[in-house]
Structure formats: structure tokens, C-alpha cells
Amino acid sequence: MLNATYDDIGFFGENTGKIKNLNVEVTFTGIKANRVGGLVANNYGTVENCSANANISNIQSDYAETGGFAGHNNGIIKNSSSSGSVSSK
């Protein structure tokens, strides 16, 4: 569990490489962040064969990208899944 104020919150804050064959379970509550993702907050790389069981509560009231798997994706995600709950203001 993480209670914090940051820009990028996730199992990985940013990915510019390759994440493969990884399963994570995370809980981020009371987060105040611009980008929050269960596996990765900012994905610019490749994610393959991964899963995230994420329970996320982002209380950022301004611009915020929040997702159970990735907060922001500008890369490739394939054969991956997420479960859990996500809330954001």
C-alpha cells in the first residue's frame, strides 16, 4: 500500500524497454499523482504477457491519467490483462 503525492506511481514508474512475463498485485490508495498505473505509470516501451491485479484510488483533482494496468501508454501492450478496481477524481 502506498499513500503519496508524486508524478508517476506504478510498479514501474516509467518503461522505455521491455517488460515480459510478469504478474503483480498492487494497492495504491490516497494517491495524488498525474499518472498512476498498476503495472506502469508511463509506458513508452513494450509490455508482453503481463497481468496486474490493482486497487487504485487517485485523488488528484487536476489532470490525471489513471489505469489498472497503465496510467499512460504510448508504447505496445500485448497479451496482457488487469483486474481490480480503479477510482479517480
Protein backbone atom coordinates (compact mmCIF):
# COMPACT_ATOMS: atom_id res chain seq x y z
CA MET A 1 0.00 0.00 0.00
CA LEU A 2 1.24 3.46 -0.87
CA ASN A 3 -0.06 6.84 0.25
CA ALA A 4 1.83 9.60 -1.53
CA THR A 5 1.95 12.65 -3.79
CA TYR A 6 4.05 12.14 -6.90
CA ASP A 7 4.00 12.40 -10.70
CA ASP A 8 4.34 8.72 -11.69
CA ILE A 9 3.10 5.89 -9.48
CA GLY A 10 3.15 2.25 -10.57
CA PHE A 11 5.04 -0.98 -10.02
CA PHE A 12 7.27 0.69 -12.61
CA GLY A 13 7.19 4.48 -12.84
CA GLU A 14 8.28 4.51 -16.49
CA ASN A 15 9.06 1.83 -19.05
CA THR A 16 11.15 2.55 -22.13
CA GLY A 17 12.38 -1.02 -22.60
CA LYS A 18 10.61 -4.38 -22.42
CA ILE A 19 8.64 -5.92 -19.55
CA LYS A 20 7.75 -9.56 -20.12
CA ASN A 21 6.09 -12.43 -18.21
CA LEU A 22 5.37 -10.50 -15.01
CA ASN A 23 2.35 -10.68 -12.69
CA VAL A 24 1.92 -8.05 -9.98
CA GLU A 25 -0.58 -7.28 -7.25
CA VAL A 26 -0.60 -3.67 -6.00
CA THR A 27 -2.68 -1.36 -3.84
CA PHE A 28 -2.27 2.41 -4.18
CA THR A 29 -4.72 4.36 -2.03
CA GLY A 30 -4.86 8.06 -1.29
CA ILE A 31 -2.56 8.74 -4.25
CA LYS A 32 -2.32 12.26 -5.62
CA ALA A 33 -0.43 11.79 -8.88
CA ASN A 34 -0.51 12.83 -12.52
CA ARG A 35 -0.10 9.25 -13.78
CA VAL A 36 -0.96 6.06 -11.91
CA GLY A 37 -0.92 2.52 -13.31
CA GLY A 38 -0.97 -0.88 -11.67
CA LEU A 39 1.98 -2.18 -13.68
CA VAL A 40 3.42 1.00 -15.18
CA ALA A 41 2.59 4.70 -14.84
CA ASN A 42 4.17 5.71 -18.19
CA ASN A 43 4.68 3.08 -20.89
CA TYR A 44 6.81 4.03 -23.89
CA GLY A 45 8.25 0.54 -24.40
CA THR A 46 6.81 -2.95 -24.81
CA VAL A 47 4.81 -4.92 -22.27
CA GLU A 48 4.06 -8.55 -23.10
CA ASN A 49 2.37 -11.45 -21.27
CA CYS A 50 1.85 -9.49 -18.05
CA SER A 51 -1.01 -9.03 -15.60
CA ALA A 52 -1.80 -6.54 -12.88
CA ASN A 53 -4.28 -7.03 -10.07
CA ALA A 54 -4.56 -3.43 -8.92
CA ASN A 55 -6.67 -1.50 -6.46
CA ILE A 56 -6.07 2.20 -7.10
CA SER A 57 -7.55 5.39 -5.67
CA ASN A 58 -6.17 8.58 -7.22
CA ILE A 59 -7.37 11.77 -5.52
CA GLN A 60 -5.64 14.13 -7.96
CA SER A 61 -8.37 16.61 -8.93
CA ASP A 62 -6.48 18.23 -11.81
CA TYR A 63 -5.21 16.49 -14.94
CA ALA A 64 -4.67 12.81 -14.09
CA GLU A 65 -4.23 9.59 -16.08
CA THR A 66 -5.21 6.57 -14.03
CA GLY A 67 -5.50 2.94 -15.15
CA GLY A 68 -5.47 -0.51 -13.63
CA PHE A 69 -2.68 -1.60 -15.95
CA ALA A 70 -1.07 1.58 -17.34
CA GLY A 71 -1.69 5.21 -16.50
CA HIS A 72 -0.36 6.45 -19.85
CA ASN A 73 0.51 4.27 -22.82
CA ASN A 74 2.49 5.43 -25.83
CA GLY A 75 4.06 2.03 -26.43
CA ILE A 76 2.93 -1.54 -27.10
CA ILE A 77 0.93 -3.73 -24.73
CA LYS A 78 0.10 -7.25 -25.90
CA ASN A 79 -1.30 -10.44 -24.37
CA SER A 80 -1.74 -8.67 -21.02
CA SER A 81 -4.60 -8.09 -18.59
CA SER A 82 -5.68 -6.24 -15.48
CA SER A 83 -8.22 -6.77 -12.75
CA GLY A 84 -9.22 -4.96 -9.59
CA SER A 85 -10.72 -1.52 -9.01
CA VAL A 86 -9.77 1.98 -10.09
CA SER A 87 -11.16 5.34 -8.96
CA SER A 88 -10.04 8.83 -9.84
CA LYS A 89 -11.50 12.30 -9.33
